N, C-alpha and C. Protein backbone atom coordinates (compact mmCIF):
# COMPACT_ATOMS: atom_id res chain seq x y z
N UNK A 1 -19.01 -42.89 3.12
CA UNK A 1 -20.04 -42.89 4.48
C UNK A 1 -20.68 -42.12 3.20
N UNK A 2 -20.54 -40.75 2.84
CA UNK A 2 -21.98 -39.80 2.45
C UNK A 2 -21.22 -39.50 0.77
N UNK A 3 -21.88 -39.22 -0.12
CA UNK A 3 -22.44 -38.46 -0.95
C UNK A 3 -23.08 -37.73 -1.35
N UNK A 4 -22.65 -36.75 -1.71
CA UNK A 4 -23.87 -34.97 -2.22
C UNK A 4 -23.51 -35.13 -2.95
N UNK A 5 -24.78 -35.29 -4.06
CA UNK A 5 -25.32 -34.57 -5.90
C UNK A 5 -23.99 -32.81 -5.55
N UNK A 6 -24.22 -32.79 -6.56
CA UNK A 6 -23.60 -31.13 -6.62
C UNK A 6 -25.00 -30.25 -6.63
N UNK A 7 -25.75 -30.38 -6.81
CA UNK A 7 -27.03 -30.04 -6.81
C UNK A 7 -27.45 -29.70 -5.27
N UNK A 8 -27.41 -30.68 -4.39
CA UNK A 8 -27.56 -30.51 -2.81
C UNK A 8 -26.64 -30.01 -2.29
N UNK A 9 -25.23 -30.25 -2.87
CA UNK A 9 -24.58 -28.89 -1.84
C UNK A 9 -24.46 -27.87 -2.32
N UNK A 10 -25.67 -27.69 -3.55
CA UNK A 10 -25.82 -26.38 -3.67
C UNK A 10 -26.40 -25.07 -3.01
N UNK A 11 -27.99 -25.71 -3.19
CA UNK A 11 -28.48 -25.49 -2.08
C UNK A 11 -28.41 -25.82 -0.54
N UNK A 12 -27.53 -26.69 0.21
CA UNK A 12 -26.96 -26.47 1.27
C UNK A 12 -26.25 -25.34 1.68
N UNK A 13 -24.74 -25.12 0.28
CA UNK A 13 -24.72 -23.90 0.72
C UNK A 13 -25.63 -22.74 0.62
N UNK A 14 -26.03 -22.60 -0.86
CA UNK A 14 -26.82 -21.19 -0.26
C UNK A 14 -27.99 -20.99 1.45
N UNK A 15 -27.99 -22.21 1.83
CA UNK A 15 -29.23 -21.84 2.64
C UNK A 15 -27.27 -21.30 4.72
N UNK A 16 -26.05 -22.61 4.24
CA UNK A 16 -25.73 -21.95 4.92
C UNK A 16 -24.84 -20.23 5.11
N UNK A 17 -24.60 -20.14 4.08
CA UNK A 17 -24.48 -18.54 3.21
C UNK A 17 -25.12 -17.51 4.10
N UNK A 18 -26.87 -17.62 3.71
CA UNK A 18 -27.40 -17.39 4.08
C UNK A 18 -28.01 -16.85 5.68
N UNK A 19 -27.94 -17.50 6.22
CA UNK A 19 -27.40 -19.15 7.30
C UNK A 19 -26.15 -18.60 8.54
N UNK A 20 -25.49 -17.69 8.52
CA UNK A 20 -23.92 -17.93 8.79
C UNK A 20 -23.70 -18.37 10.61
N UNK A 21 -24.95 -17.90 10.74
CA UNK A 21 -25.24 -18.43 12.87
C UNK A 21 -25.19 -20.35 12.50
N UNK A 22 -26.57 -19.88 11.89
CA UNK A 22 -26.25 -21.37 11.88
C UNK A 22 -24.47 -22.91 11.96
N UNK A 23 -24.96 -23.41 12.90
CA UNK A 23 -24.56 -24.78 13.08
C UNK A 23 -23.82 -25.42 11.53
N UNK A 24 -22.50 -26.01 11.51
CA UNK A 24 -22.09 -26.57 10.08
C UNK A 24 -22.25 -27.46 10.36
N UNK A 25 -23.28 -28.33 11.16
CA UNK A 25 -23.03 -30.14 11.39
C UNK A 25 -24.11 -30.31 10.91
N UNK A 26 -25.16 -31.11 10.45
CA UNK A 26 -25.64 -31.62 9.40
C UNK A 26 -25.87 -32.89 10.40
N UNK A 27 -26.50 -33.62 10.74
CA UNK A 27 -27.18 -34.66 11.34
C UNK A 27 -28.53 -35.99 10.57
N UNK A 28 -29.01 -36.85 9.90
CA UNK A 28 -28.82 -37.98 8.80
C UNK A 28 -29.18 -38.49 9.97
N UNK A 29 -31.17 -38.40 10.24
CA UNK A 29 -31.70 -38.95 10.66
C UNK A 29 -33.06 -40.15 11.12
N UNK A 30 -32.63 -40.86 11.34
CA UNK A 30 -34.04 -41.76 11.00
C UNK A 30 -35.51 -41.49 11.78
N UNK A 31 -37.07 -41.12 10.88
CA UNK A 31 -37.71 -40.27 11.76
C UNK A 31 -38.92 -41.35 11.81
N UNK A 32 -39.55 -41.15 12.20
CA UNK A 32 -41.21 -42.24 12.50
C UNK A 32 -41.83 -42.02 11.13
N UNK A 33 -41.87 -43.05 10.35
CA UNK A 33 -42.51 -43.06 9.74
C UNK A 33 -43.86 -42.70 9.42
N UNK A 34 -44.56 -41.98 8.73
CA UNK A 34 -45.83 -42.14 7.86
C UNK A 34 -46.89 -43.52 7.86
N UNK A 35 -47.74 -44.04 6.63
CA UNK A 35 -47.49 -44.75 6.01
C UNK A 35 -46.97 -45.81 5.89
N UNK A 36 -45.70 -44.81 4.48
CA UNK A 36 -45.32 -46.23 4.49
C UNK A 36 -44.05 -46.87 5.52
N UNK A 37 -43.65 -46.21 6.29
CA UNK A 37 -42.67 -46.07 8.13
C UNK A 37 -41.10 -45.52 7.27
N UNK A 38 -40.54 -45.54 8.74
CA UNK A 38 -39.61 -44.43 8.64
C UNK A 38 -39.10 -44.10 7.16
N UNK A 39 -38.31 -43.27 7.85
CA UNK A 39 -37.17 -42.41 6.47
C UNK A 39 -36.12 -41.71 7.02
N UNK A 40 -35.00 -41.30 6.13
CA UNK A 40 -33.93 -40.64 6.29
C UNK A 40 -35.22 -39.39 6.32
N UNK A 41 -34.12 -38.37 7.55
CA UNK A 41 -34.26 -37.11 7.61
C UNK A 41 -33.33 -35.84 7.32
N UNK A 42 -32.91 -34.72 7.28
CA UNK A 42 -31.70 -34.01 7.93
C UNK A 42 -32.60 -33.09 9.08
N UNK A 43 -31.14 -32.53 9.53
CA UNK A 43 -31.44 -31.35 10.74
C UNK A 43 -30.53 -30.81 11.27
N UNK A 44 -29.80 -29.37 11.35
CA UNK A 44 -28.83 -29.56 12.35
C UNK A 44 -28.90 -29.19 13.26
N UNK A 45 -28.08 -30.59 13.81
CA UNK A 45 -27.71 -30.61 15.26
C UNK A 45 -26.18 -30.66 15.49
N UNK A 46 -25.54 -30.69 15.80
CA UNK A 46 -23.66 -30.43 16.20
C UNK A 46 -23.79 -31.86 16.31
N UNK A 47 -22.26 -32.88 15.81
CA UNK A 47 -21.70 -33.93 16.64
C UNK A 47 -21.52 -34.79 18.28
N UNK A 48 -21.18 -36.07 17.59
CA UNK A 48 -20.94 -35.83 18.89
C UNK A 48 -19.67 -37.17 18.98
N UNK A 49 -19.09 -37.16 20.01
CA UNK A 49 -17.87 -38.53 19.85
C UNK A 49 -19.19 -39.86 19.53
N UNK A 50 -19.87 -39.99 19.55
CA UNK A 50 -20.67 -41.73 19.90
C UNK A 50 -21.88 -41.32 18.34
N UNK A 51 -21.10 -40.43 17.69
CA UNK A 51 -21.62 -40.76 16.37
C UNK A 51 -20.24 -41.05 14.99
N UNK A 52 -20.72 -41.93 13.56
CA UNK A 52 -19.75 -41.14 12.64
C UNK A 52 -20.32 -39.91 11.34
N UNK A 53 -18.60 -39.24 11.58
CA UNK A 53 -19.18 -37.97 10.85
C UNK A 53 -17.90 -37.74 9.61
N UNK A 54 -18.07 -37.00 8.53
CA UNK A 54 -17.47 -36.89 8.18
C UNK A 54 -17.70 -35.60 6.91
N UNK A 55 -16.40 -34.94 6.85
CA UNK A 55 -16.63 -33.40 6.89
C UNK A 55 -16.60 -33.36 5.62
N UNK A 56 -17.83 -32.23 4.90
CA UNK A 56 -17.54 -32.01 3.58
C UNK A 56 -18.07 -30.55 2.99
N UNK A 57 -16.83 -30.74 2.54
CA UNK A 57 -16.61 -28.83 2.35
C UNK A 57 -17.59 -28.44 3.26
N UNK A 58 -16.48 -28.19 4.35
CA UNK A 58 -16.80 -27.94 5.14
C UNK A 58 -17.90 -27.62 6.24
N UNK A 59 -19.06 -29.02 6.10
CA UNK A 59 -19.57 -29.06 6.87
C UNK A 59 -19.64 -30.29 7.27
N UNK A 60 -20.29 -30.50 8.95
CA UNK A 60 -19.54 -32.08 8.70
C UNK A 60 -20.99 -33.11 8.98
N UNK A 61 -20.75 -34.23 8.61
CA UNK A 61 -22.51 -34.50 8.27
C UNK A 61 -22.48 -35.25 9.06
N UNK A 62 -23.27 -36.01 10.40
CA UNK A 62 -22.88 -37.17 11.27
C UNK A 62 -24.57 -37.83 11.62
N UNK A 63 -24.41 -39.50 11.93
CA UNK A 63 -24.87 -39.76 12.18
C UNK A 63 -25.21 -41.00 13.13
N UNK A 64 -26.27 -41.45 13.83
CA UNK A 64 -25.64 -42.76 14.76
C UNK A 64 -24.89 -43.42 14.29
N UNK A 65 -23.65 -43.94 14.60
CA UNK A 65 -23.05 -44.87 14.41
C UNK A 65 -23.84 -46.62 14.34
N UNK A 66 -25.25 -47.20 15.32
CA UNK A 66 -25.69 -47.10 15.15
C UNK A 66 -25.82 -47.20 14.38
N UNK A 67 -26.99 -46.47 14.19
CA UNK A 67 -28.27 -46.07 12.91
C UNK A 67 -27.32 -46.57 11.06
N UNK A 68 -26.32 -45.46 11.08
CA UNK A 68 -24.58 -46.19 10.17
C UNK A 68 -24.19 -47.40 10.14
N UNK A 69 -24.43 -48.02 10.56
CA UNK A 69 -24.27 -49.31 10.71
C UNK A 69 -25.74 -50.67 10.04
N UNK A 70 -26.45 -49.81 9.69
CA UNK A 70 -27.78 -50.78 9.00
C UNK A 70 -27.51 -49.67 7.27
N UNK A 71 -27.62 -48.77 7.10
CA UNK A 71 -27.54 -48.04 6.21
C UNK A 71 -26.56 -48.49 5.60
N UNK A 72 -25.50 -48.10 5.77
CA UNK A 72 -23.68 -48.33 5.15
C UNK A 72 -23.97 -47.04 4.55
N UNK A 73 -23.68 -46.50 4.04
CA UNK A 73 -23.12 -45.40 2.31
C UNK A 73 -24.10 -44.68 2.95
N UNK A 74 -24.13 -43.42 2.00
CA UNK A 74 -25.94 -42.42 2.40
C UNK A 74 -25.53 -41.71 1.09
N UNK A 75 -26.00 -41.49 0.29
CA UNK A 75 -25.95 -40.72 -1.22
C UNK A 75 -27.60 -39.62 -0.57
N UNK A 76 -27.11 -38.15 -0.78
CA UNK A 76 -27.61 -37.09 -0.41
C UNK A 76 -27.84 -36.28 -1.32
N UNK A 77 -29.49 -35.98 -2.38
CA UNK A 77 -29.55 -35.19 -3.77
C UNK A 77 -31.02 -34.31 -2.67
N UNK A 78 -31.38 -33.60 -3.91
CA UNK A 78 -32.57 -32.56 -4.06
C UNK A 78 -33.44 -32.74 -4.86
N UNK A 79 -34.48 -33.22 -4.94
CA UNK A 79 -35.86 -32.36 -5.90
C UNK A 79 -36.66 -32.08 -5.72
N UNK A 80 -37.82 -32.22 -6.57
CA UNK A 80 -39.13 -30.87 -6.74
C UNK A 80 -39.69 -30.95 -5.31
N UNK A 81 -39.64 -32.09 -4.14
CA UNK A 81 -40.26 -31.82 -2.81
C UNK A 81 -39.11 -31.91 -1.96
N UNK A 82 -37.79 -31.55 -2.40
CA UNK A 82 -36.79 -31.44 -1.07
C UNK A 82 -35.46 -33.05 -1.45
N UNK A 83 -35.04 -32.64 0.05
CA UNK A 83 -34.09 -33.07 0.19
C UNK A 83 -34.59 -34.67 -0.20
N UNK A 84 -33.78 -35.44 -0.36
CA UNK A 84 -33.88 -37.27 -0.06
C UNK A 84 -32.52 -37.95 -0.49
N UNK A 85 -33.17 -37.95 0.38
CA UNK A 85 -31.70 -39.53 1.34
C UNK A 85 -31.26 -41.08 1.60
N UNK A 86 -31.10 -40.89 0.14
CA UNK A 86 -30.95 -42.63 0.13
C UNK A 86 -29.95 -43.30 0.67
N UNK A 87 -30.52 -44.88 1.62
CA UNK A 87 -29.72 -45.19 1.81
C UNK A 87 -28.82 -46.49 1.63
N UNK A 88 -27.75 -46.39 2.00
CA UNK A 88 -27.26 -47.94 0.54
C UNK A 88 -27.47 -49.84 0.85
N UNK A 89 -28.19 -49.56 2.09
CA UNK A 89 -28.99 -50.16 2.53
C UNK A 89 -29.97 -50.84 3.20
N UNK A 90 -31.35 -51.19 2.48
CA UNK A 90 -32.80 -51.16 2.50
C UNK A 90 -32.99 -51.09 4.42
N UNK A 91 -33.95 -49.91 4.67
CA UNK A 91 -34.68 -48.96 5.95
C UNK A 91 -35.54 -50.66 5.98
N UNK A 92 -35.37 -50.93 7.66
CA UNK A 92 -36.07 -52.29 7.67
C UNK A 92 -37.62 -52.13 7.32
N UNK A 93 -38.31 -52.63 7.64
CA UNK A 93 -39.87 -52.28 7.14
C UNK A 93 -39.96 -52.47 8.51
N UNK A 94 -41.22 -51.44 8.62
CA UNK A 94 -42.47 -51.44 10.34
C UNK A 94 -43.87 -51.24 9.94
N UNK A 95 -44.01 -51.82 8.34
CA UNK A 95 -45.42 -51.85 7.69
C UNK A 95 -46.28 -51.40 8.04
N UNK A 96 -46.28 -50.31 7.17
CA UNK A 96 -47.10 -49.38 7.05
C UNK A 96 -48.44 -49.36 7.01
N UNK A 97 -49.92 -48.71 7.32
CA UNK A 97 -50.61 -48.70 7.69
C UNK A 97 -51.78 -47.80 6.11
N UNK A 98 -50.72 -48.62 4.86
CA UNK A 98 -52.28 -47.78 3.97
C UNK A 98 -50.92 -48.21 2.81
N UNK A 99 -51.84 -48.37 1.97
CA UNK A 99 -51.53 -48.66 0.74
C UNK A 99 -50.52 -47.08 -0.35
N UNK A 100 -49.58 -47.98 -0.87
CA UNK A 100 -48.22 -47.19 -1.49
C UNK A 100 -47.92 -47.11 -2.75
N UNK A 101 -49.61 -47.19 -3.06
CA UNK A 101 -50.09 -47.49 -4.67
C UNK A 101 -50.39 -45.64 -4.77
N UNK A 102 -51.31 -44.70 -3.50
CA UNK A 102 -50.81 -43.81 -4.34
C UNK A 102 -50.16 -42.49 -4.01
N UNK A 103 -48.92 -42.61 -3.53
CA UNK A 103 -46.85 -42.21 -3.35
C UNK A 103 -48.09 -41.79 -2.04
N UNK A 104 -46.36 -41.56 -1.22
CA UNK A 104 -46.98 -40.81 -0.02
C UNK A 104 -46.05 -39.28 -0.28
N UNK A 105 -46.83 -38.33 -0.10
CA UNK A 105 -46.19 -37.07 0.39
C UNK A 105 -44.72 -36.51 0.66
N UNK A 106 -44.57 -35.96 0.95
CA UNK A 106 -43.44 -35.25 1.80
C UNK A 106 -42.29 -35.84 1.41
N UNK A 107 -41.33 -35.27 1.72
CA UNK A 107 -39.55 -35.36 0.69
C UNK A 107 -38.61 -36.56 2.06
N UNK A 108 -39.70 -37.38 1.99
CA UNK A 108 -39.09 -38.36 2.89
C UNK A 108 -37.97 -39.29 2.36
N UNK A 109 -37.50 -38.95 1.30
CA UNK A 109 -36.95 -40.32 0.65
C UNK A 109 -36.20 -41.41 0.89
N UNK A 110 -36.41 -41.45 1.61
CA UNK A 110 -35.96 -43.45 2.34
C UNK A 110 -35.82 -44.25 1.38
N UNK A 111 -36.30 -44.03 0.46
CA UNK A 111 -36.27 -45.20 -0.78
C UNK A 111 -35.66 -44.91 -2.08
N UNK A 112 -35.80 -46.44 -2.61
CA UNK A 112 -35.25 -45.62 -4.38
C UNK A 112 -36.03 -43.92 -5.07
N UNK A 113 -34.67 -44.28 -5.63
CA UNK A 113 -35.74 -42.48 -6.90
C UNK A 113 -36.81 -41.11 -5.50
N UNK A 114 -36.17 -41.40 -4.32
CA UNK A 114 -36.65 -40.49 -3.42
C UNK A 114 -38.05 -41.11 -3.76
N UNK A 115 -39.05 -41.06 -3.40
CA UNK A 115 -40.16 -41.96 -2.79
C UNK A 115 -40.01 -43.37 -1.97
N UNK A 116 -40.25 -42.24 -0.59
CA UNK A 116 -40.57 -42.90 0.41
C UNK A 116 -41.46 -44.56 0.52
N UNK A 117 -42.03 -44.78 -0.48
CA UNK A 117 -42.21 -45.49 -0.63
C UNK A 117 -41.82 -47.74 -1.69
N UNK A 118 -40.79 -46.97 -2.60
CA UNK A 118 -39.52 -47.14 -3.05
C UNK A 118 -39.34 -49.19 -3.06
């Protein structure tokens, strides 16, 4: 379900080492999009019985089963802009309101190569 790069794992390990009271559960969710449509993001959130879940290195990664059915497997990496989350299947386009030729800021990571406009 989820593949995490060594660099992203190192960053997550450092976060959890520094925040030992934080729940070791990371939710991948579909965030509303800016000009380039929705993107996958991560947040600390406990898994529920209705989630697809996988434990990797002591951290539970979860996402709504309905979202997992759309995205398929997820790859998590990190770049200078933050975590990038790339789905196996492309996210449905919601028709953004700007030209993506100028690029979209932030670390939305919903598209190819970490660009939300991919």
